[in-house]
C-alpha atoms as a PDB file:
ATOM      1  CA  MET A   1       2.391 -14.144 -14.058  1.00  0.00           C
ATOM      2  CA  LYS A   2       4.531 -12.482 -11.437  1.00  0.00           C
ATOM      3  CA  ALA A   3       4.776  -8.862 -10.298  1.00  0.00           C
ATOM      4  CA  ARG A   4       8.106  -7.193 -10.996  1.00  0.00           C
ATOM      5  CA  MET A   5       8.300  -5.385  -7.665  1.00  0.00           C
ATOM      6  CA  ASN A   6       6.299  -3.978  -4.795  1.00  0.00           C
ATOM      7  CA  VAL A   7       6.567  -0.187  -4.951  1.00  0.00           C
ATOM      8  CA  GLY A   8       4.805   0.132  -1.590  1.00  0.00           C
ATOM      9  CA  GLU A   9       7.604  -1.783   0.105  1.00  0.00           C
ATOM     10  CA  LEU A  10      10.485  -0.202  -1.838  1.00  0.00           C
ATOM     11  CA  ALA A  11       9.237   3.406  -1.848  1.00  0.00           C
ATOM     12  CA  PRO A  12       7.012   3.616   1.234  1.00  0.00           C
ATOM     13  CA  GLU A  13       7.091   7.431   1.401  1.00  0.00           C
ATOM     14  CA  ALA A  14       5.806   7.714  -2.168  1.00  0.00           C
ATOM     15  CA  TYR A  15       3.182   5.054  -1.528  1.00  0.00           C
ATOM     16  CA  LYS A  16       2.035   6.897   1.593  1.00  0.00           C
ATOM     17  CA  ALA A  17       1.737  10.127  -0.424  1.00  0.00           C
ATOM     18  CA  MET A  18      -0.429   8.353  -3.003  1.00  0.00           C
ATOM     19  CA  LEU A  19      -2.617   6.974  -0.213  1.00  0.00           C
ATOM     20  CA  GLY A  20      -2.926  10.542   1.070  1.00  0.00           C
ATOM     21  CA  LEU A  21      -4.487  11.531  -2.262  1.00  0.00           C
ATOM     22  CA  GLU A  22      -6.906   8.614  -1.922  1.00  0.00           C
ATOM     23  CA  GLY A  23      -7.801   9.809   1.575  1.00  0.00           C
ATOM     24  CA  PHE A  24      -8.552  13.269   0.223  1.00  0.00           C
ATOM     25  CA  LEU A  25     -10.762  11.806  -2.508  1.00  0.00           C
ATOM     26  CA  ARG A  26     -12.772   9.697  -0.034  1.00  0.00           C
ATOM     27  CA  THR A  27     -13.651  12.826   1.935  1.00  0.00           C
ATOM     28  CA  SER A  28     -14.193  15.117  -1.060  1.00  0.00           C
ATOM     29  CA  THR A  29     -17.538  16.215  -2.482  1.00  0.00           C
ATOM     30  CA  LEU A  30     -17.051  13.982  -5.532  1.00  0.00           C
ATOM     31  CA  PRO A  31     -19.746  11.274  -5.338  1.00  0.00           C
ATOM     32  CA  HIS A  32     -18.269   7.863  -4.550  1.00  0.00           C
ATOM     33  CA  ALA A  33     -20.037   6.246  -7.521  1.00  0.00           C
ATOM     34  CA  THR A  34     -18.543   8.833  -9.892  1.00  0.00           C
ATOM     35  CA  LEU A  35     -15.103   8.335  -8.367  1.00  0.00           C
ATOM     36  CA  GLU A  36     -15.213   4.571  -8.919  1.00  0.00           C
ATOM     37  CA  LEU A  37     -16.610   4.895 -12.460  1.00  0.00           C
ATOM     38  CA  VAL A  38     -13.846   7.333 -13.398  1.00  0.00           C
ATOM     39  CA  LYS A  39     -11.187   5.064 -11.887  1.00  0.00           C
ATOM     40  CA  LEU A  40     -12.597   2.093 -13.758  1.00  0.00           C
ATOM     41  CA  ARG A  41     -12.770   3.911 -17.108  1.00  0.00           C
ATOM     42  CA  ALA A  42      -9.252   5.355 -16.913  1.00  0.00           C
ATOM     43  CA  SER A  43      -7.924   1.940 -15.896  1.00  0.00           C
ATOM     44  CA  GLN A  44      -9.650   0.336 -18.899  1.00  0.00           C
ATOM     45  CA  ILE A  45      -8.075   2.888 -21.235  1.00  0.00           C
ATOM     46  CA  ASN A  46      -4.637   2.358 -19.675  1.00  0.00           C
ATOM     47  CA  GLY A  47      -4.931  -1.433 -19.791  1.00  0.00           C
ATOM     48  CA  CYS A  48      -4.369  -1.816 -16.057  1.00  0.00           C
ATOM     49  CA  GLY A  49      -5.852  -5.194 -15.162  1.00  0.00           C
ATOM     50  CA  PHE A  50      -5.037  -4.748 -11.477  1.00  0.00           C
ATOM     51  CA  CYS A  51      -6.950  -1.455 -11.246  1.00  0.00           C
ATOM     52  CA  VAL A  52      -9.839  -2.583 -13.483  1.00  0.00           C
ATOM     53  CA  ASP A  53     -10.322  -5.578 -11.215  1.00  0.00           C
ATOM     54  CA  MET A  54      -9.970  -3.519  -8.037  1.00  0.00           C
ATOM     55  CA  HIS A  55     -12.344  -0.720  -8.990  1.00  0.00           C
ATOM     56  CA  ALA A  56     -14.984  -3.006 -10.481  1.00  0.00           C
ATOM     57  CA  HIS A  57     -15.005  -4.988  -7.228  1.00  0.00           C
ATOM     58  CA  GLU A  58     -14.932  -1.866  -5.040  1.00  0.00           C
ATOM     59  CA  ALA A  59     -17.821  -0.327  -6.990  1.00  0.00           C
ATOM     60  CA  LYS A  60     -19.815  -3.555  -6.796  1.00  0.00           C
ATOM     61  CA  LYS A  61     -19.167  -3.770  -3.050  1.00  0.00           C
ATOM     62  CA  ALA A  62     -20.446  -0.183  -2.721  1.00  0.00           C
ATOM     63  CA  GLY A  63     -23.702  -1.164  -4.426  1.00  0.00           C
ATOM     64  CA  GLU A  64     -22.984  -0.440  -8.088  1.00  0.00           C
ATOM     65  CA  SER A  65     -25.174  -2.377 -10.538  1.00  0.00           C
ATOM     66  CA  ASP A  66     -23.813  -4.963 -12.940  1.00  0.00           C
ATOM     67  CA  GLU A  67     -25.349  -3.083 -15.887  1.00  0.00           C
ATOM     68  CA  ARG A  68     -23.406   0.067 -15.092  1.00  0.00           C
ATOM     69  CA  LEU A  69     -20.150  -1.792 -14.453  1.00  0.00           C
ATOM     70  CA  PHE A  70     -20.479  -3.819 -17.653  1.00  0.00           C
ATOM     71  CA  SER A  71     -21.224  -0.641 -19.616  1.00  0.00           C
ATOM     72  CA  VAL A  72     -18.503   1.724 -18.432  1.00  0.00           C
ATOM     73  CA  ALA A  73     -16.389   1.057 -21.535  1.00  0.00           C
ATOM     74  CA  ALA A  74     -19.389   2.008 -23.704  1.00  0.00           C
ATOM     75  CA  TRP A  75     -20.875   4.696 -21.475  1.00  0.00           C
ATOM     76  CA  ARG A  76     -21.818   6.930 -24.417  1.00  0.00           C
ATOM     77  CA  GLU A  77     -24.137   4.253 -25.802  1.00  0.00           C
ATOM     78  CA  ALA A  78     -25.510   2.962 -22.482  1.00  0.00           C
ATOM     79  CA  PRO A  79     -28.564   4.517 -20.791  1.00  0.00           C
ATOM     80  CA  TYR A  80     -27.366   3.823 -17.239  1.00  0.00           C
ATOM     81  CA  PHE A  81     -25.418   7.000 -16.439  1.00  0.00           C
ATOM     82  CA  THR A  82     -26.490  10.442 -15.286  1.00  0.00           C
ATOM     83  CA  ASP A  83     -25.486  13.549 -17.190  1.00  0.00           C
ATOM     84  CA  ALA A  84     -23.053  14.440 -14.400  1.00  0.00           C
ATOM     85  CA  GLU A  85     -21.449  10.982 -14.581  1.00  0.00           C
ATOM     86  CA  ARG A  86     -21.207  11.244 -18.377  1.00  0.00           C
ATOM     87  CA  ALA A  87     -19.472  14.604 -18.039  1.00  0.00           C
ATOM     88  CA  ALA A  88     -17.024  13.112 -15.525  1.00  0.00           C
ATOM     89  CA  LEU A  89     -16.343  10.087 -17.742  1.00  0.00           C
ATOM     90  CA  ALA A  90     -15.761  12.340 -20.765  1.00  0.00           C
ATOM     91  CA  LEU A  91     -13.296  14.449 -18.784  1.00  0.00           C
ATOM     92  CA  ALA A  92     -11.568  11.306 -17.510  1.00  0.00           C
ATOM     93  CA  GLU A  93     -11.161   9.995 -21.055  1.00  0.00           C
ATOM     94  CA  GLU A  94      -9.783  13.273 -22.388  1.00  0.00           C
ATOM     95  CA  ALA A  95      -7.358  13.748 -19.473  1.00  0.00           C
ATOM     96  CA  THR A  96      -6.208  10.127 -19.727  1.00  0.00           C
ATOM     97  CA  ARG A  97      -5.635  10.227 -23.498  1.00  0.00           C
ATOM     98  CA  LEU A  98      -3.696  13.488 -23.638  1.00  0.00           C
ATOM     99  CA  ALA A  99      -1.331  12.367 -26.400  1.00  0.00           C
ATOM    100  CA  ASP A 100      -4.104  10.776 -28.491  1.00  0.00           C
ATOM    101  CA  ARG A 101      -5.918  14.009 -29.234  1.00  0.00           C
ATOM    102  CA  GLY A 102      -5.150  17.094 -31.275  1.00  0.00           C
ATOM    103  CA  GLU A 103      -6.581  19.303 -28.557  1.00  0.00           C
ATOM    104  CA  ALA A 104      -5.980  17.936 -25.082  1.00  0.00           C
ATOM    105  CA  VAL A 105      -9.124  18.302 -22.948  1.00  0.00           C
ATOM    106  CA  PRO A 106     -11.257  20.414 -25.287  1.00  0.00           C
ATOM    107  CA  ASP A 107     -13.120  23.378 -23.826  1.00  0.00           C
ATOM    108  CA  ALA A 108     -16.493  21.752 -24.560  1.00  0.00           C
ATOM    109  CA  VAL A 109     -15.612  18.722 -22.400  1.00  0.00           C
ATOM    110  CA  TRP A 110     -14.337  20.933 -19.581  1.00  0.00           C
ATOM    111  CA  GLU A 111     -17.384  23.209 -19.749  1.00  0.00           C
ATOM    112  CA  GLU A 112     -19.777  20.227 -19.610  1.00  0.00           C
ATOM    113  CA  ALA A 113     -17.991  18.884 -16.534  1.00  0.00           C
ATOM    114  CA  ALA A 114     -18.089  22.365 -14.951  1.00  0.00           C
ATOM    115  CA  ARG A 115     -21.818  22.604 -15.707  1.00  0.00           C
ATOM    116  CA  HIS A 116     -22.493  19.500 -13.603  1.00  0.00           C
ATOM    117  CA  HIS A 117     -19.935  19.907 -10.806  1.00  0.00           C
ATOM    118  CA  ASP A 118     -19.168  22.883  -8.597  1.00  0.00           C
ATOM    119  CA  GLU A 119     -15.548  24.059  -8.548  1.00  0.00           C
ATOM    120  CA  LYS A 120     -14.610  22.120  -5.413  1.00  0.00           C
ATOM    121  CA  THR A 121     -16.030  18.882  -6.815  1.00  0.00           C
ATOM    122  CA  LEU A 122     -14.481  19.559 -10.211  1.00  0.00           C
ATOM    123  CA  ALA A 123     -11.092  20.048  -8.532  1.00  0.00           C
ATOM    124  CA  ALA A 124     -11.530  16.696  -6.770  1.00  0.00           C
ATOM    125  CA  LEU A 125     -12.450  15.108 -10.103  1.00  0.00           C
ATOM    126  CA  VAL A 126      -9.239  16.426 -11.685  1.00  0.00           C
ATOM    127  CA  VAL A 127      -7.233  15.042  -8.744  1.00  0.00           C
ATOM    128  CA  ALA A 128      -9.057  11.703  -9.046  1.00  0.00           C
ATOM    129  CA  ILE A 129      -8.216  11.434 -12.750  1.00  0.00           C
ATOM    130  CA  ALA A 130      -4.569  12.329 -12.168  1.00  0.00           C
ATOM    131  CA  THR A 131      -4.302   9.911  -9.244  1.00  0.00           C
ATOM    132  CA  ILE A 132      -5.777   6.899 -11.034  1.00  0.00           C
ATOM    133  CA  ASN A 133      -3.543   7.564 -14.021  1.00  0.00           C
ATOM    134  CA  ALA A 134      -0.528   7.541 -11.686  1.00  0.00           C
ATOM    135  CA  TRP A 135      -1.685   4.296 -10.048  1.00  0.00           C
ATOM    136  CA  ASN A 136      -2.250   2.747 -13.492  1.00  0.00           C
ATOM    137  CA  ARG A 137       1.268   3.621 -14.576  1.00  0.00           C
ATOM    138  CA  ILE A 138       2.757   2.188 -11.391  1.00  0.00           C
ATOM    139  CA  CYS A 139       0.737  -1.023 -11.612  1.00  0.00           C
ATOM    140  CA  VAL A 140       1.208  -1.600 -15.355  1.00  0.00           C
ATOM    141  CA  THR A 141       4.948  -0.895 -15.192  1.00  0.00           C
ATOM    142  CA  THR A 142       5.454  -3.245 -12.245  1.00  0.00           C
ATOM    143  CA  ARG A 143       2.962  -5.825 -13.615  1.00  0.00           C
ATOM    144  CA  GLN A 144       0.704  -6.005 -10.604  1.00  0.00           C
ATOM    145  CA  ILE A 145      -1.563  -9.055 -10.781  1.00  0.00           C
ATOM    146  CA  ALA A 146      -5.318  -8.533 -11.144  1.00  0.00           C
ATOM    147  CA  GLY A 147      -7.099  -9.766  -8.031  1.00  0.00           C
ATOM    148  CA  SER A 148      -3.991  -9.883  -5.875  1.00  0.00           C
ATOM    149  CA  TYR A 149      -5.091  -6.945  -3.711  1.00  0.00           C
ATOM    150  CA  ARG A 150      -8.095  -9.021  -2.549  1.00  0.00           C
ATOM    151  CA  GLN A 151      -5.817 -11.893  -1.574  1.00  0.00           C
ATOM    152  CA  GLY A 152      -3.395  -9.743   0.414  1.00  0.00           C
END
């Protein structure tokens, strides 16, 4: 398997802008564990092997348990997540699958997320979901290789 191109090298200004969003997220009020879980779940939905690999490893490095990482795809049925994390994962799924639903991001999902996160944190969560979806589309389109970021 070979990557089609390196967007970071060919569009460095765009890549730098994306890294700026990541910088914002690292300093936001969104808990790091929630951020990584949301990135992992959206990447699973989008079939982005590069990002699934990256965010599973990053979460593990930050102290995430194997049980939680193994269960992200089935978070509704797993007992390992807080109510706030469940609300964030539900919002991430709805915002990632916009075309798959009759009603994109139903009010009930939004209201549950808003119940668990103040407005500033909720705004960061929305940015996190949008950002990982953009990264997924870049990496899937250019066929980035899972694990290659750890080798570079």
